[in-house]
Amino acid sequence: QLQLVESGGGLVQPGGSLRLSCAASGFSLEHYAVGWFRQAPGKGREAVSGISNSDGSTYYAPSVLGRFTISRDSTNKTVVLQMNDLKPEDSAVYYCAKGRVHPLRLRFGGDYDDWGQGTQVTVSS
């Protein structure tokens, strides 16, 4: 079965770190862009970060730039979102998605065609 599986969410104090993983099951992410999106209760989906497969370019939302880092592992089976200096406003369900997305459109969720089930991130003292 081909699917994306997110992991690594949890409860962390403000200023802490979490490492989210998006793992591909049954296929390689080599030919796909991967994006991370989040949705907090009562809010719309927000693009957080994305990484292209064609030129390695990345996208970061202004609110996470300098705190989050997206990367692919060498096997092209996993994309990691390293989240540092977490803030309460980062609390949300985080989803990863894959698609044949242009490097300049990594922030557009509608361009992705497969999504994971999400992982909860809660930042609270």
N, C-alpha and C. Protein backbone atom coordinates (compact mmCIF):
# COMPACT_ATOMS: atom_id res chain seq x y z
N GLN A 1 0.84 -1.19 0.00
CA GLN A 1 0.00 0.00 0.00
C GLN A 1 0.88 1.25 0.00
N LEU A 2 0.61 2.16 -0.92
CA LEU A 2 1.39 3.37 -1.03
C LEU A 2 0.81 4.42 -0.10
N GLN A 3 1.62 4.92 0.82
CA GLN A 3 1.13 5.93 1.73
C GLN A 3 2.27 6.73 2.34
N LEU A 4 1.88 7.90 2.88
CA LEU A 4 2.78 8.74 3.63
C LEU A 4 2.41 8.63 5.10
N VAL A 5 3.39 8.52 5.94
CA VAL A 5 3.15 8.39 7.37
C VAL A 5 3.99 9.42 8.12
N GLU A 6 3.31 10.29 8.87
CA GLU A 6 4.01 11.27 9.68
C GLU A 6 4.26 10.70 11.07
N SER A 7 5.34 11.14 11.68
CA SER A 7 5.64 10.76 13.05
C SER A 7 6.49 11.85 13.68
N GLY A 8 6.60 11.79 15.00
CA GLY A 8 7.48 12.71 15.71
C GLY A 8 6.77 13.82 16.45
N GLY A 9 5.46 13.89 16.34
CA GLY A 9 4.74 14.92 17.06
C GLY A 9 4.70 14.63 18.55
N GLY A 10 4.18 15.61 19.29
CA GLY A 10 4.08 15.41 20.73
C GLY A 10 3.90 16.73 21.45
N LEU A 11 4.08 16.66 22.76
CA LEU A 11 3.96 17.83 23.63
C LEU A 11 5.36 18.33 23.98
N VAL A 12 5.59 19.62 23.80
CA VAL A 12 6.89 20.20 24.09
C VAL A 12 6.69 21.57 24.70
N GLN A 13 7.61 21.97 25.53
CA GLN A 13 7.54 23.30 26.14
C GLN A 13 8.00 24.37 25.14
N PRO A 14 7.54 25.60 25.32
CA PRO A 14 8.04 26.69 24.47
C PRO A 14 9.56 26.76 24.51
N GLY A 15 10.14 26.97 23.33
CA GLY A 15 11.59 26.97 23.21
C GLY A 15 12.18 25.61 22.91
N GLY A 16 11.38 24.57 23.00
CA GLY A 16 11.87 23.22 22.75
C GLY A 16 11.90 22.88 21.28
N SER A 17 12.26 21.63 21.00
CA SER A 17 12.42 21.16 19.63
C SER A 17 11.67 19.85 19.41
N LEU A 18 11.26 19.66 18.18
CA LEU A 18 10.70 18.39 17.73
C LEU A 18 11.21 18.10 16.33
N ARG A 19 11.26 16.84 16.00
CA ARG A 19 11.71 16.41 14.68
C ARG A 19 10.60 15.57 14.07
N LEU A 20 9.93 16.12 13.08
CA LEU A 20 8.86 15.39 12.39
C LEU A 20 9.43 14.65 11.19
N SER A 21 8.93 13.45 10.98
CA SER A 21 9.34 12.65 9.83
C SER A 21 8.14 12.33 8.97
N CYS A 22 8.36 12.36 7.68
CA CYS A 22 7.35 11.96 6.70
C CYS A 22 7.95 10.79 5.94
N ALA A 23 7.44 9.61 6.19
CA ALA A 23 8.00 8.40 5.60
C ALA A 23 7.11 7.89 4.48
N ALA A 24 7.73 7.54 3.38
CA ALA A 24 7.01 6.96 2.25
C ALA A 24 7.00 5.45 2.37
N SER A 25 5.83 4.88 2.24
CA SER A 25 5.69 3.44 2.31
C SER A 25 5.31 2.91 0.95
N GLY A 26 6.17 2.07 0.39
CA GLY A 26 5.86 1.46 -0.89
C GLY A 26 6.33 2.22 -2.10
N PHE A 27 7.00 3.33 -1.91
CA PHE A 27 7.52 4.10 -3.04
C PHE A 27 8.63 5.01 -2.55
N SER A 28 9.32 5.61 -3.51
CA SER A 28 10.39 6.55 -3.18
C SER A 28 9.91 7.98 -3.37
N LEU A 29 10.44 8.88 -2.55
CA LEU A 29 10.11 10.29 -2.69
C LEU A 29 11.03 11.01 -3.66
N GLU A 30 11.87 10.27 -4.32
CA GLU A 30 12.90 10.85 -5.18
C GLU A 30 12.31 11.76 -6.26
N HIS A 31 11.15 11.39 -6.79
CA HIS A 31 10.59 12.12 -7.91
C HIS A 31 9.46 13.07 -7.50
N TYR A 32 9.37 13.34 -6.21
CA TYR A 32 8.27 14.17 -5.73
C TYR A 32 8.76 15.31 -4.85
N ALA A 33 8.10 16.44 -4.98
CA ALA A 33 8.25 17.47 -3.97
C ALA A 33 7.47 17.04 -2.73
N VAL A 34 7.92 17.49 -1.59
CA VAL A 34 7.25 17.17 -0.32
C VAL A 34 7.01 18.47 0.43
N GLY A 35 5.80 18.60 0.91
CA GLY A 35 5.45 19.78 1.68
C GLY A 35 4.96 19.41 3.06
N TRP A 36 5.17 20.32 3.98
CA TRP A 36 4.60 20.21 5.32
C TRP A 36 3.57 21.33 5.49
N PHE A 37 2.41 20.97 5.98
CA PHE A 37 1.33 21.89 6.22
C PHE A 37 0.82 21.67 7.64
N ARG A 38 0.13 22.66 8.18
CA ARG A 38 -0.42 22.50 9.51
C ARG A 38 -1.79 23.14 9.58
N GLN A 39 -2.58 22.63 10.52
CA GLN A 39 -3.90 23.18 10.73
C GLN A 39 -4.20 23.18 12.22
N ALA A 40 -4.44 24.36 12.74
CA ALA A 40 -4.80 24.52 14.14
C ALA A 40 -6.33 24.54 14.26
N PRO A 41 -6.88 24.24 15.42
CA PRO A 41 -8.33 24.24 15.59
C PRO A 41 -8.93 25.59 15.21
N GLY A 42 -9.96 25.55 14.38
CA GLY A 42 -10.64 26.76 13.99
C GLY A 42 -9.94 27.60 12.95
N LYS A 43 -8.83 27.09 12.44
CA LYS A 43 -8.06 27.85 11.44
C LYS A 43 -7.92 27.04 10.17
N GLY A 44 -7.58 27.73 9.11
CA GLY A 44 -7.37 27.06 7.83
C GLY A 44 -6.02 26.40 7.76
N ARG A 45 -5.84 25.60 6.73
CA ARG A 45 -4.56 24.95 6.52
C ARG A 45 -3.51 25.97 6.13
N GLU A 46 -2.33 25.80 6.67
CA GLU A 46 -1.22 26.74 6.45
C GLU A 46 0.00 25.99 5.94
N ALA A 47 0.59 26.50 4.89
CA ALA A 47 1.85 25.91 4.42
C ALA A 47 2.97 26.27 5.38
N VAL A 48 3.75 25.28 5.75
CA VAL A 48 4.86 25.48 6.67
C VAL A 48 6.20 25.45 5.94
N SER A 49 6.39 24.41 5.16
CA SER A 49 7.67 24.25 4.48
C SER A 49 7.51 23.27 3.33
N GLY A 50 8.43 23.33 2.39
CA GLY A 50 8.41 22.38 1.28
C GLY A 50 9.80 22.24 0.70
N ILE A 51 10.01 21.10 0.04
CA ILE A 51 11.31 20.86 -0.58
C ILE A 51 11.07 20.27 -1.96
N SER A 52 11.74 20.83 -2.93
CA SER A 52 11.60 20.38 -4.30
C SER A 52 12.44 19.12 -4.55
N ASN A 53 12.00 18.32 -5.53
CA ASN A 53 12.82 17.19 -5.93
C ASN A 53 13.70 17.54 -7.13
N SER A 54 13.34 18.58 -7.86
CA SER A 54 14.03 18.90 -9.12
C SER A 54 15.32 19.68 -8.89
N ASP A 55 15.29 20.67 -8.01
CA ASP A 55 16.49 21.49 -7.81
C ASP A 55 16.87 21.66 -6.34
N GLY A 56 16.15 20.97 -5.46
CA GLY A 56 16.48 21.04 -4.04
C GLY A 56 16.05 22.32 -3.36
N SER A 57 15.32 23.18 -4.08
CA SER A 57 14.90 24.43 -3.46
C SER A 57 13.89 24.16 -2.36
N THR A 58 13.81 25.10 -1.44
CA THR A 58 12.94 24.95 -0.29
C THR A 58 12.06 26.18 -0.11
N TYR A 59 11.00 25.98 0.63
CA TYR A 59 10.10 27.05 1.01
C TYR A 59 9.89 27.00 2.51
N TYR A 60 9.86 28.17 3.14
CA TYR A 60 9.51 28.28 4.55
C TYR A 60 8.51 29.42 4.72
N ALA A 61 7.49 29.15 5.50
CA ALA A 61 6.59 30.24 5.87
C ALA A 61 7.37 31.27 6.67
N PRO A 62 7.04 32.54 6.51
CA PRO A 62 7.77 33.58 7.26
C PRO A 62 7.76 33.34 8.77
N SER A 63 6.70 32.74 9.27
CA SER A 63 6.59 32.54 10.71
C SER A 63 7.53 31.47 11.24
N VAL A 64 8.08 30.63 10.35
CA VAL A 64 8.97 29.56 10.81
C VAL A 64 10.39 29.70 10.28
N LEU A 65 10.61 30.65 9.40
CA LEU A 65 11.92 30.84 8.81
C LEU A 65 12.96 31.11 9.89
N GLY A 66 14.06 30.35 9.82
CA GLY A 66 15.10 30.48 10.82
C GLY A 66 14.94 29.55 12.01
N ARG A 67 13.76 28.94 12.15
CA ARG A 67 13.51 28.02 13.25
C ARG A 67 13.32 26.59 12.77
N PHE A 68 12.75 26.43 11.59
CA PHE A 68 12.47 25.10 11.04
C PHE A 68 13.42 24.82 9.88
N THR A 69 13.76 23.55 9.71
CA THR A 69 14.60 23.13 8.60
C THR A 69 14.03 21.86 7.99
N ILE A 70 13.87 21.86 6.68
CA ILE A 70 13.37 20.68 5.98
C ILE A 70 14.52 20.02 5.23
N SER A 71 14.50 18.69 5.20
CA SER A 71 15.58 17.97 4.52
C SER A 71 15.09 16.60 4.09
N ARG A 72 15.80 16.04 3.10
CA ARG A 72 15.53 14.67 2.67
C ARG A 72 16.64 13.78 3.18
N ASP A 73 16.31 12.53 3.50
CA ASP A 73 17.39 11.63 3.86
C ASP A 73 17.98 11.02 2.59
N SER A 74 19.12 10.37 2.75
CA SER A 74 19.86 9.88 1.59
C SER A 74 19.15 8.75 0.86
N THR A 75 18.21 8.10 1.51
CA THR A 75 17.49 7.00 0.87
C THR A 75 16.31 7.49 0.05
N ASN A 76 15.96 8.77 0.21
CA ASN A 76 14.78 9.35 -0.46
C ASN A 76 13.48 8.66 -0.05
N LYS A 77 13.48 8.13 1.15
CA LYS A 77 12.25 7.52 1.68
C LYS A 77 11.63 8.38 2.77
N THR A 78 12.39 9.36 3.26
CA THR A 78 11.91 10.17 4.38
C THR A 78 12.28 11.63 4.18
N VAL A 79 11.35 12.50 4.55
CA VAL A 79 11.62 13.93 4.61
C VAL A 79 11.41 14.36 6.06
N VAL A 80 12.36 15.10 6.57
CA VAL A 80 12.35 15.50 7.98
C VAL A 80 12.11 17.00 8.09
N LEU A 81 11.31 17.36 9.08
CA LEU A 81 11.11 18.77 9.43
C LEU A 81 11.64 18.95 10.86
N GLN A 82 12.79 19.56 10.97
CA GLN A 82 13.37 19.86 12.27
C GLN A 82 12.81 21.18 12.76
N MET A 83 12.19 21.16 13.91
CA MET A 83 11.53 22.35 14.44
C MET A 83 12.19 22.76 15.74
N ASN A 84 12.79 23.92 15.75
CA ASN A 84 13.47 24.44 16.93
C ASN A 84 12.78 25.70 17.43
N ASP A 85 13.07 26.04 18.68
CA ASP A 85 12.51 27.26 19.28
C ASP A 85 10.99 27.31 19.08
N LEU A 86 10.34 26.25 19.42
CA LEU A 86 8.89 26.16 19.19
C LEU A 86 8.12 27.14 20.06
N LYS A 87 7.04 27.63 19.50
CA LYS A 87 6.19 28.61 20.16
C LYS A 87 4.78 28.05 20.28
N PRO A 88 4.00 28.54 21.23
CA PRO A 88 2.62 28.05 21.36
C PRO A 88 1.83 28.15 20.06
N GLU A 89 2.11 29.17 19.27
CA GLU A 89 1.38 29.33 18.01
C GLU A 89 1.77 28.31 16.96
N ASP A 90 2.77 27.50 17.22
CA ASP A 90 3.12 26.40 16.32
C ASP A 90 2.25 25.17 16.56
N SER A 91 1.45 25.20 17.60
CA SER A 91 0.60 24.06 17.92
C SER A 91 -0.42 23.83 16.81
N ALA A 92 -0.49 22.60 16.32
CA ALA A 92 -1.39 22.27 15.22
C ALA A 92 -1.20 20.79 14.89
N VAL A 93 -2.06 20.31 14.01
CA VAL A 93 -1.82 19.01 13.39
C VAL A 93 -0.97 19.28 12.15
N TYR A 94 0.12 18.57 12.05
CA TYR A 94 1.04 18.74 10.93
C TYR A 94 0.86 17.60 9.95
N TYR A 95 0.75 17.96 8.68
CA TYR A 95 0.57 16.99 7.61
C TYR A 95 1.71 17.11 6.60
N CYS A 96 2.14 15.98 6.08
CA CYS A 96 3.04 16.03 4.94
C CYS A 96 2.27 15.61 3.69
N ALA A 97 2.76 16.07 2.57
CA ALA A 97 2.11 15.78 1.29
C ALA A 97 3.17 15.65 0.22
N LYS A 98 2.86 14.91 -0.81
CA LYS A 98 3.79 14.75 -1.92
C LYS A 98 3.09 15.06 -3.24
N GLY A 99 3.86 15.50 -4.22
CA GLY A 99 3.30 15.75 -5.53
C GLY A 99 4.37 16.20 -6.49
N ARG A 100 4.01 16.27 -7.74
CA ARG A 100 4.92 16.79 -8.77
C ARG A 100 4.67 18.30 -8.83
N VAL A 101 5.31 19.00 -7.93
CA VAL A 101 5.04 20.41 -7.68
C VAL A 101 6.20 21.26 -8.17
N HIS A 102 5.88 22.32 -8.87
CA HIS A 102 6.90 23.25 -9.34
C HIS A 102 7.62 23.86 -8.13
N PRO A 103 8.94 24.07 -8.24
CA PRO A 103 9.68 24.64 -7.09
C PRO A 103 9.14 25.98 -6.61
N LEU A 104 8.49 26.75 -7.48
CA LEU A 104 7.95 28.03 -7.06
C LEU A 104 6.55 27.93 -6.46
N ARG A 105 6.01 26.71 -6.41
CA ARG A 105 4.65 26.53 -5.91
C ARG A 105 4.60 25.59 -4.71
N LEU A 106 5.69 25.45 -4.00
CA LEU A 106 5.75 24.51 -2.88
C LEU A 106 4.75 24.84 -1.78
N ARG A 107 4.32 26.09 -1.70
CA ARG A 107 3.42 26.48 -0.61
C ARG A 107 1.95 26.26 -0.96
N PHE A 108 1.65 25.81 -2.15
CA PHE A 108 0.26 25.64 -2.58
C PHE A 108 -0.20 24.20 -2.35
N GLY A 109 -1.00 24.02 -1.35
CA GLY A 109 -1.44 22.67 -0.99
C GLY A 109 -2.20 21.97 -2.10
N GLY A 110 -2.90 22.73 -2.90
CA GLY A 110 -3.69 22.13 -3.97
C GLY A 110 -2.86 21.47 -5.05
N ASP A 111 -1.57 21.74 -5.07
CA ASP A 111 -0.69 21.15 -6.07
C ASP A 111 -0.20 19.76 -5.66
N TYR A 112 -0.45 19.37 -4.44
CA TYR A 112 -0.01 18.07 -3.95
C TYR A 112 -1.14 17.05 -4.12
N ASP A 113 -0.79 15.80 -4.35
CA ASP A 113 -1.83 14.83 -4.64
C ASP A 113 -2.00 13.74 -3.60
N ASP A 114 -1.09 13.59 -2.70
CA ASP A 114 -1.25 12.59 -1.64
C ASP A 114 -0.84 13.19 -0.31
N TRP A 115 -1.60 12.86 0.72
CA TRP A 115 -1.39 13.43 2.05
C TRP A 115 -1.32 12.32 3.09
N GLY A 116 -0.56 12.61 4.15
CA GLY A 116 -0.55 11.71 5.29
C GLY A 116 -1.71 12.01 6.22
N GLN A 117 -1.77 11.25 7.30
CA GLN A 117 -2.87 11.37 8.27
C GLN A 117 -2.65 12.47 9.30
N GLY A 118 -1.44 12.94 9.42
CA GLY A 118 -1.17 14.02 10.34
C GLY A 118 -0.59 13.57 11.67
N THR A 119 0.13 14.47 12.31
CA THR A 119 0.68 14.23 13.65
C THR A 119 0.50 15.51 14.47
N GLN A 120 0.07 15.33 15.71
CA GLN A 120 -0.24 16.49 16.55
C GLN A 120 1.02 17.05 17.19
N VAL A 121 1.15 18.36 17.11
CA VAL A 121 2.23 19.08 17.80
C VAL A 121 1.57 20.06 18.77
N THR A 122 1.92 19.95 20.03
CA THR A 122 1.39 20.85 21.05
C THR A 122 2.55 21.51 21.78
N VAL A 123 2.57 22.83 21.76
CA VAL A 123 3.62 23.59 22.43
C VAL A 123 2.97 24.33 23.60
N SER A 124 3.30 23.90 24.79
CA SER A 124 2.65 24.45 25.98
C SER A 124 3.52 24.23 27.19
N SER A 125 3.44 25.17 28.12
CA SER A 125 4.16 25.01 29.38
C SER A 125 3.25 24.38 30.43
